Amino acid sequence: MIENLMTQKAETTKAAESNNSDCCGPDCCSDTESSSENAATEKSTKLSNRDKSSAEIKEMVKQKYSKIALQSREMNASSCCGAGECSDEVYNIMTDDYESIKGYNPDADLGLGCGLPTQFAKIKKGDTVLDLGSGAGNDCFVARSETGEAGKVIGVDFSDAMIAKARENAEKLNFNNIEFRQGEIEDLPVNDDSVDVVVSNCVLNLVPEKLNAFSEMYRVLKPGGHFSISDIVLIGELPQKIQKAAEFYAGCVSGAIQKNEYVSLIEKTGFRNIQIQKEKVISIPDDILSKYLNKDEAASYKNSESKIYSITVFGEKSVD
């Protein structure tokens, strides 16, 4: 454990030095290693996500989020969920402000979310809370302030780098009722009927087998338990050039599905009392759109009815 933390700190220092070079997007790095990575990324974007297997998509997202764990919050927040495409036009493209929320820990906030699910999660003292795609632990620490010392918080993430960062943050705070587990959302390392509340922030859209993910949520929740998750959904069709962009997939956009399909999957899983707790349109800045679309294509997209939304959804598991 100590050795892993020392390695993580060394990597973080190295990443911080790299970030200071103002290398914000895939086209501005000139060193050999970065050029090789960019070439590989460019090659991968030639295949649509439909052509990739679930395992390939997971590996692509895992590699991207492992790098994100070592990036600064400022870089992540100025891009689409930390995808690496920075915008000069706005600071926060998708993220909501956590700073005034009880339990907020700046060290754990990588600027990757698209909502505030814990704000709507109805967490009570003593609850066991599960955070899916827990990252550096941001929502876990907020949930811990709600459930208190008598409760328990479990964070699950499939990135080793994220798990290491989250555990380091928990050790700094000396919390003994927060646990971070490495695992996949479609196969959660959590017992049946053991969780009171599930939260997740801008993660399930990245999961290839979304029905499996919702089924796992249902399995681990206690009868009468509930979830509150923030996620990215679509209304209408995105331009194919954005759909095919690997950077946008890891940035929570082209992995998203239609809003009605998303809600339908939740219903199919068996959840009841499904509610949209919050909804907002996500506007992609011109300087990011220009990397994928020409002026006419960008104008056509802006004038269309196709939109990207952040939604926070609530649902309950039946007590039967």
Foldseek 3Di string as FASTA:
>chain_A
DVVVLVVLVVLLVVQVVVVVVVQQALPPDDDPVSVVVSVVLVVQLVDFPVPDDLVVLVVLLLVQLLSLLSHALQSCQQDQLHLRHGDPPDRHQAADDCVVAPQADNLQRSNRFRDQQLVVFPQAAQFEEEEEQCFLNGNVRSSCVHNDLNHAYEYEHQHPSRQSNNVVVCVVVVRDRYYYDHDHLLDDPAAFQAGQEYEYGAPLLSRPPNLSNLLSVLGRHHAFHKYKYKHKAKDDDDPVLLSSRSSVSSSRDNSHYHPVVNVVSNVVSPWPPKDFPDKDWRDDDPSSVVVRDPPVSVVVVVPDPMTMMITIMMTTHHND
